[in-house]
Each structure stands twice: as structure tokens, then as C-alpha cells.
Amino acid sequence: MSLADILSPSDIAAALRDCQAPDSFSPKKFFQISGMSKKSSSQIKEIFRILDNDQSGFIEEDELKYFLQRFECGARVLTASETKTFLAAADHDGDGKIGAEGIHLLIFI
């Protein structure tokens, strides 16, 4: 299964266009434009599973910088500041990793 099986390819493309410039990525805005904020909890868990590149159950900082490339291979890498901001927003226990619950809370709160 791919992200395009869950999210509209045109919504993914629009979300990626919105954050093309370095330091323009906003997780909440990306989730809204891509349609993730309209998905069910089970769909968000499936999206998280796809985004968790090493299938560890968490998205670590090293994986997070390639977040946009999980949606489209040619997308840019997140800047260090974007990565740290994203991590801080979704890492609710401060362990340096984002679990499925962290993504879910960031999307819906």
C-alpha cells in the first residue's frame, strides 16, 4: 500500500507545492492540505506505518528530515529547523521520536 492509496494524489501534490521553499513547512498545514486531517484514526495509523521507514514504530529525527520524500521521491528534504520544530510539536514525551499517537494528536488538535 502507498500513500496515494489513502490520500488523493492531487492533494499530496498541492501540499508539497505549498512547502517547496526551505523553512516553509508547517506540519498542521501540510496535514490539512494533503487531506490527512480528514482521515480516520485507522487510516492515520496506516499512513504512519508507511512513513515509518524502518518500521520501528517511531519516526526518529533522521527519518523525519525525509518526511516529504515519503510522499514524492523528488520532494525536498526538511531543513534542520523544520525537522526540530516538527519533532518538538509531535514528540509529546520528549524521547526524540514520534509515535503514531504523536502524529494523531498533531493532526487533530
C-alpha atoms as a PDB file:
ATOM      1  CA  MET A   1       0.000   0.000   0.000  1.00  0.00           C
ATOM      2  CA  SER A   2       1.184   3.522  -0.743  1.00  0.00           C
ATOM      3  CA  LEU A   3       0.194   6.957   0.464  1.00  0.00           C
ATOM      4  CA  ALA A   4      -1.574   7.549  -2.866  1.00  0.00           C
ATOM      5  CA  ASP A   5      -3.895   4.645  -1.963  1.00  0.00           C
ATOM      6  CA  ILE A   6      -5.083   6.613   1.086  1.00  0.00           C
ATOM      7  CA  LEU A   7      -4.618  10.249   0.071  1.00  0.00           C
ATOM      8  CA  SER A   8      -5.570  11.939  -3.174  1.00  0.00           C
ATOM      9  CA  PRO A   9      -2.517  12.375  -5.436  1.00  0.00           C
ATOM     10  CA  SER A  10      -3.715  15.895  -6.277  1.00  0.00           C
ATOM     11  CA  ASP A  11      -3.961  16.759  -2.558  1.00  0.00           C
ATOM     12  CA  ILE A  12      -0.455  15.374  -1.979  1.00  0.00           C
ATOM     13  CA  ALA A  13       0.849  17.458  -4.891  1.00  0.00           C
ATOM     14  CA  ALA A  14      -0.870  20.598  -3.536  1.00  0.00           C
ATOM     15  CA  ALA A  15       0.587  20.043  -0.054  1.00  0.00           C
ATOM     16  CA  LEU A  16       4.085  19.579  -1.482  1.00  0.00           C
ATOM     17  CA  ARG A  17       3.751  22.704  -3.644  1.00  0.00           C
ATOM     18  CA  ASP A  18       2.743  24.708  -0.578  1.00  0.00           C
ATOM     19  CA  CYS A  19       6.014  23.940   1.200  1.00  0.00           C
ATOM     20  CA  GLN A  20       8.524  23.923  -1.671  1.00  0.00           C
ATOM     21  CA  ALA A  21      10.586  26.783  -0.259  1.00  0.00           C
ATOM     22  CA  PRO A  22      13.020  25.955   2.543  1.00  0.00           C
ATOM     23  CA  ASP A  23      11.646  26.730   6.010  1.00  0.00           C
ATOM     24  CA  SER A  24       8.061  26.953   4.700  1.00  0.00           C
ATOM     25  CA  PHE A  25       6.887  23.561   6.025  1.00  0.00           C
ATOM     26  CA  SER A  26       4.125  23.606   8.630  1.00  0.00           C
ATOM     27  CA  PRO A  27       3.028  20.120   9.765  1.00  0.00           C
ATOM     28  CA  LYS A  28      -0.544  21.159  10.593  1.00  0.00           C
ATOM     29  CA  LYS A  29      -0.975  22.975   7.273  1.00  0.00           C
ATOM     30  CA  PHE A  30       0.576  20.051   5.391  1.00  0.00           C
ATOM     31  CA  PHE A  31      -1.821  17.622   7.110  1.00  0.00           C
ATOM     32  CA  GLN A  32      -4.784  19.823   6.170  1.00  0.00           C
ATOM     33  CA  ILE A  33      -3.832  20.361   2.514  1.00  0.00           C
ATOM     34  CA  SER A  34      -2.836  16.714   1.967  1.00  0.00           C
ATOM     35  CA  GLY A  35      -6.181  15.538   3.349  1.00  0.00           C
ATOM     36  CA  MET A  36      -4.667  13.692   6.308  1.00  0.00           C
ATOM     37  CA  SER A  37      -6.783  15.730   8.721  1.00  0.00           C
ATOM     38  CA  LYS A  38      -9.911  14.250   7.104  1.00  0.00           C
ATOM     39  CA  LYS A  39      -8.876  10.624   7.565  1.00  0.00           C
ATOM     40  CA  SER A  40      -9.992   8.163  10.225  1.00  0.00           C
ATOM     41  CA  SER A  41      -7.765   7.014  13.069  1.00  0.00           C
ATOM     42  CA  SER A  42      -7.168   3.683  11.332  1.00  0.00           C
ATOM     43  CA  GLN A  43      -6.165   5.462   8.117  1.00  0.00           C
ATOM     44  CA  ILE A  44      -3.773   7.715  10.077  1.00  0.00           C
ATOM     45  CA  LYS A  45      -2.197   4.605  11.622  1.00  0.00           C
ATOM     46  CA  GLU A  46      -1.714   3.144   8.138  1.00  0.00           C
ATOM     47  CA  ILE A  47      -0.193   6.415   6.901  1.00  0.00           C
ATOM     48  CA  PHE A  48       2.131   6.398   9.929  1.00  0.00           C
ATOM     49  CA  ARG A  49       3.176   2.810   9.151  1.00  0.00           C
ATOM     50  CA  ILE A  50       4.124   3.901   5.621  1.00  0.00           C
ATOM     51  CA  LEU A  51       6.016   6.950   6.911  1.00  0.00           C
ATOM     52  CA  ASP A  52       7.924   4.863   9.486  1.00  0.00           C
ATOM     53  CA  ASN A  53      10.662   3.910   7.038  1.00  0.00           C
ATOM     54  CA  ASP A  54      12.460   1.404   9.285  1.00  0.00           C
ATOM     55  CA  GLN A  55       9.216   0.036  10.802  1.00  0.00           C
ATOM     56  CA  SER A  56      10.477   0.712  14.349  1.00  0.00           C
ATOM     57  CA  GLY A  57       7.094   2.017  15.492  1.00  0.00           C
ATOM     58  CA  PHE A  58       8.511   5.532  15.686  1.00  0.00           C
ATOM     59  CA  ILE A  59       9.654   8.267  13.342  1.00  0.00           C
ATOM     60  CA  GLU A  60      13.042   9.464  14.524  1.00  0.00           C
ATOM     61  CA  GLU A  61      14.738  12.736  13.577  1.00  0.00           C
ATOM     62  CA  ASP A  62      16.808  11.064  10.840  1.00  0.00           C
ATOM     63  CA  GLU A  63      13.634   9.743   9.193  1.00  0.00           C
ATOM     64  CA  LEU A  64      11.754  12.981   9.768  1.00  0.00           C
ATOM     65  CA  LYS A  65      14.038  15.088   7.580  1.00  0.00           C
ATOM     66  CA  TYR A  66      12.969  12.890   4.633  1.00  0.00           C
ATOM     67  CA  PHE A  67       9.262  13.195   5.534  1.00  0.00           C
ATOM     68  CA  LEU A  68       8.265  14.990   2.303  1.00  0.00           C
ATOM     69  CA  GLN A  69      10.124  12.446   0.173  1.00  0.00           C
ATOM     70  CA  ARG A  70       7.863   9.707   1.542  1.00  0.00           C
ATOM     71  CA  PHE A  71       5.049  11.497  -0.305  1.00  0.00           C
ATOM     72  CA  GLU A  72       7.051  12.089  -3.512  1.00  0.00           C
ATOM     73  CA  CYS A  73      10.601  10.908  -4.243  1.00  0.00           C
ATOM     74  CA  GLY A  74      11.697  14.226  -5.734  1.00  0.00           C
ATOM     75  CA  ALA A  75      10.448  16.360  -2.840  1.00  0.00           C
ATOM     76  CA  ARG A  76      12.926  18.396  -0.835  1.00  0.00           C
ATOM     77  CA  VAL A  77      14.459  17.406   2.477  1.00  0.00           C
ATOM     78  CA  LEU A  78      13.194  19.278   5.529  1.00  0.00           C
ATOM     79  CA  THR A  79      15.642  21.825   6.905  1.00  0.00           C
ATOM     80  CA  ALA A  80      17.187  21.259  10.334  1.00  0.00           C
ATOM     81  CA  SER A  81      14.910  23.894  11.875  1.00  0.00           C
ATOM     82  CA  GLU A  82      11.780  22.419  10.243  1.00  0.00           C
ATOM     83  CA  THR A  83      12.756  18.955  11.474  1.00  0.00           C
ATOM     84  CA  LYS A  84      13.309  20.175  15.026  1.00  0.00           C
ATOM     85  CA  THR A  85      10.034  22.157  15.035  1.00  0.00           C
ATOM     86  CA  PHE A  86       8.093  19.156  13.694  1.00  0.00           C
ATOM     87  CA  LEU A  87       9.713  16.854  16.252  1.00  0.00           C
ATOM     88  CA  ALA A  88       9.000  19.263  19.117  1.00  0.00           C
ATOM     89  CA  ALA A  89       5.342  19.578  18.074  1.00  0.00           C
ATOM     90  CA  ALA A  90       4.682  15.827  17.893  1.00  0.00           C
ATOM     91  CA  ASP A  91       7.129  14.337  20.434  1.00  0.00           C
ATOM     92  CA  HIS A  92       4.907  14.615  23.482  1.00  0.00           C
ATOM     93  CA  ASP A  93       7.125  12.633  25.854  1.00  0.00           C
ATOM     94  CA  GLY A  94      10.447  14.217  24.829  1.00  0.00           C
ATOM     95  CA  ASP A  95      12.163  10.968  23.853  1.00  0.00           C
ATOM     96  CA  GLY A  96      13.293  12.295  20.460  1.00  0.00           C
ATOM     97  CA  LYS A  97      10.870  10.167  18.448  1.00  0.00           C
ATOM     98  CA  ILE A  98       7.318  10.449  17.211  1.00  0.00           C
ATOM     99  CA  GLY A  99       4.878   7.618  17.699  1.00  0.00           C
ATOM    100  CA  ALA A 100       1.606   7.123  15.865  1.00  0.00           C
ATOM    101  CA  GLU A 101      -0.214   8.818  18.746  1.00  0.00           C
ATOM    102  CA  GLY A 102       2.010  11.908  18.422  1.00  0.00           C
ATOM    103  CA  ILE A 103       1.123  12.257  14.738  1.00  0.00           C
ATOM    104  CA  HIS A 104      -2.546  11.661  15.511  1.00  0.00           C
ATOM    105  CA  LEU A 105      -2.592  14.368  18.197  1.00  0.00           C
ATOM    106  CA  LEU A 106      -0.743  16.825  15.973  1.00  0.00           C
ATOM    107  CA  ILE A 107      -3.250  16.280  13.163  1.00  0.00           C
ATOM    108  CA  PHE A 108      -6.416  16.529  15.212  1.00  0.00           C
ATOM    109  CA  ILE A 109      -5.568  19.067  17.927  1.00  0.00           C
END
